[in-house]
Amino acid sequence: MKRLYLAFFNSLRGLRWAWRFETAVRQEMILLVIAVPLAGVLAQNLMGFVALVSAVLLLLAVELLNTAVEKLSDHITPEHHPQIGIVKDLGSAAVFAALVLNLLVWGAAVWLRFFA
């Protein structure tokens, strides 16, 4: 239990840091706060609600991992390095994929709610 307790507070510390210093994370946390009640309106059942909220949570998780990769890369070498640039681009591509997933999931929910 002590390990779980410490892990929880380490996670909170990471979220607090990301909120203060990373605009993209802050925007996605705000999006999550908006998405939860909106998912309650759009979703036709519990699984739809879970899918909508999970998509935004996944986006936030990918953004946090991308931020971690960027911070570690900058720590290793603050100068521009082509290989580090590729690593950062891959992290950015992962965020883009999560954004596309959200577009698909939320788009399908809107379609089902208003046009089907």
Protein backbone atom coordinates (compact mmCIF):
# COMPACT_ATOMS: atom_id res chain seq x y z
CA MET A 1 0.00 0.00 0.00
CA LYS A 2 2.85 2.39 0.74
CA ARG A 3 4.15 2.00 -2.83
CA LEU A 4 0.72 2.73 -4.27
CA TYR A 5 0.38 5.75 -1.97
CA LEU A 6 3.77 7.13 -3.07
CA ALA A 7 3.04 6.46 -6.74
CA PHE A 8 -0.21 8.40 -6.45
CA PHE A 9 1.56 11.46 -5.05
CA ASN A 10 4.35 11.19 -7.63
CA SER A 11 1.66 11.24 -10.32
CA LEU A 12 -0.01 14.27 -8.76
CA ARG A 13 3.34 16.06 -8.66
CA GLY A 14 3.85 15.30 -12.37
CA LEU A 15 0.35 16.51 -13.26
CA ARG A 16 0.87 19.69 -11.23
CA TRP A 17 4.18 20.38 -13.00
CA ALA A 18 2.64 19.72 -16.42
CA TRP A 19 -0.30 22.02 -15.61
CA ARG A 20 2.06 24.85 -14.67
CA PHE A 21 4.58 24.57 -17.49
CA GLU A 22 3.04 22.79 -20.49
CA THR A 23 0.34 24.61 -22.42
CA ALA A 24 -0.74 21.55 -24.41
CA VAL A 25 -1.23 19.50 -21.24
CA ARG A 26 -3.16 22.35 -19.63
CA GLN A 27 -5.43 22.59 -22.68
CA GLU A 28 -6.06 18.84 -22.66
CA MET A 29 -6.85 18.84 -18.93
CA ILE A 30 -9.40 21.60 -19.55
CA LEU A 31 -10.72 19.58 -22.49
CA LEU A 32 -11.15 16.59 -20.15
CA VAL A 33 -13.17 18.68 -17.69
CA ILE A 34 -15.42 19.79 -20.56
CA ALA A 35 -15.53 16.33 -22.15
CA VAL A 36 -16.93 14.47 -19.14
CA PRO A 37 -20.29 16.27 -18.97
CA LEU A 38 -20.45 16.58 -22.76
CA ALA A 39 -19.93 12.83 -23.07
CA GLY A 40 -22.88 12.38 -20.73
CA VAL A 41 -25.04 14.30 -23.21
CA LEU A 42 -23.67 12.73 -26.40
CA ALA A 43 -23.27 9.10 -25.37
CA GLN A 44 -26.18 6.79 -26.01
CA ASN A 45 -25.08 4.29 -23.37
CA LEU A 46 -22.45 3.64 -20.73
CA MET A 47 -19.97 2.17 -23.21
CA GLY A 48 -20.27 5.25 -25.41
CA PHE A 49 -19.60 7.46 -22.40
CA VAL A 50 -16.56 5.38 -21.45
CA ALA A 51 -15.24 5.50 -25.04
CA LEU A 52 -15.57 9.28 -25.25
CA VAL A 53 -13.90 9.96 -21.91
CA SER A 54 -11.24 7.28 -22.51
CA ALA A 55 -10.26 8.86 -25.82
CA VAL A 56 -9.55 12.18 -24.09
CA LEU A 57 -7.70 10.44 -21.24
CA LEU A 58 -5.58 8.60 -23.79
CA LEU A 59 -4.79 11.90 -25.52
CA LEU A 60 -3.70 13.37 -22.18
CA ALA A 61 -1.54 10.31 -21.43
CA VAL A 62 0.16 10.47 -24.84
CA GLU A 63 0.75 14.22 -24.39
CA LEU A 64 2.32 13.61 -20.97
CA LEU A 65 4.60 10.91 -22.42
CA ASN A 66 5.54 13.22 -25.31
CA THR A 67 6.38 15.95 -22.81
CA ALA A 68 8.53 13.52 -20.84
CA VAL A 69 10.41 12.50 -24.00
CA GLU A 70 10.97 16.15 -24.94
CA LYS A 71 12.21 17.09 -21.47
CA LEU A 72 14.57 14.10 -21.36
CA SER A 73 15.83 14.88 -24.88
CA ASP A 74 16.51 18.50 -23.93
CA HIS A 75 18.33 17.33 -20.81
CA ILE A 76 20.56 14.97 -22.80
CA THR A 77 21.52 17.62 -25.33
CA PRO A 78 20.11 21.15 -25.39
CA GLU A 79 21.66 21.76 -28.84
CA HIS A 80 19.83 20.75 -31.99
CA HIS A 81 20.67 17.17 -32.91
CA PRO A 82 19.11 15.42 -35.93
CA GLN A 83 18.45 12.14 -34.08
CA ILE A 84 16.89 13.94 -31.11
CA GLY A 85 14.77 15.86 -33.61
CA ILE A 86 13.47 12.56 -34.99
CA VAL A 87 12.63 11.36 -31.47
CA LYS A 88 10.69 14.56 -30.80
CA ASP A 89 8.90 14.28 -34.15
CA LEU A 90 7.87 10.72 -33.30
CA GLY A 91 6.40 11.92 -30.01
CA SER A 92 4.54 14.63 -31.87
CA ALA A 93 3.23 12.05 -34.34
CA ALA A 94 1.93 9.98 -31.42
CA VAL A 95 -0.01 12.99 -30.14
CA PHE A 96 -1.38 13.56 -33.64
CA ALA A 97 -2.56 9.93 -33.80
CA ALA A 98 -4.34 10.37 -30.46
CA LEU A 99 -5.97 13.55 -31.77
CA VAL A 100 -7.21 11.69 -34.87
CA LEU A 101 -8.59 8.96 -32.60
CA ASN A 102 -10.50 11.63 -30.67
CA LEU A 103 -11.84 13.10 -33.89
CA LEU A 104 -13.12 9.68 -34.94
CA VAL A 105 -14.66 8.75 -31.58
CA TRP A 106 -16.24 12.14 -30.87
CA GLY A 107 -17.28 12.56 -34.52
CA ALA A 108 -19.03 9.19 -34.44
CA ALA A 109 -20.81 10.13 -31.20
CA VAL A 110 -22.02 13.42 -32.68
CA TRP A 111 -23.15 11.65 -35.84
CA LEU A 112 -25.06 8.99 -33.90
CA ARG A 113 -26.65 11.57 -31.60
CA PHE A 114 -27.79 14.08 -34.21
CA PHE A 115 -27.83 12.43 -37.64
CA ALA A 116 -28.54 8.72 -37.26
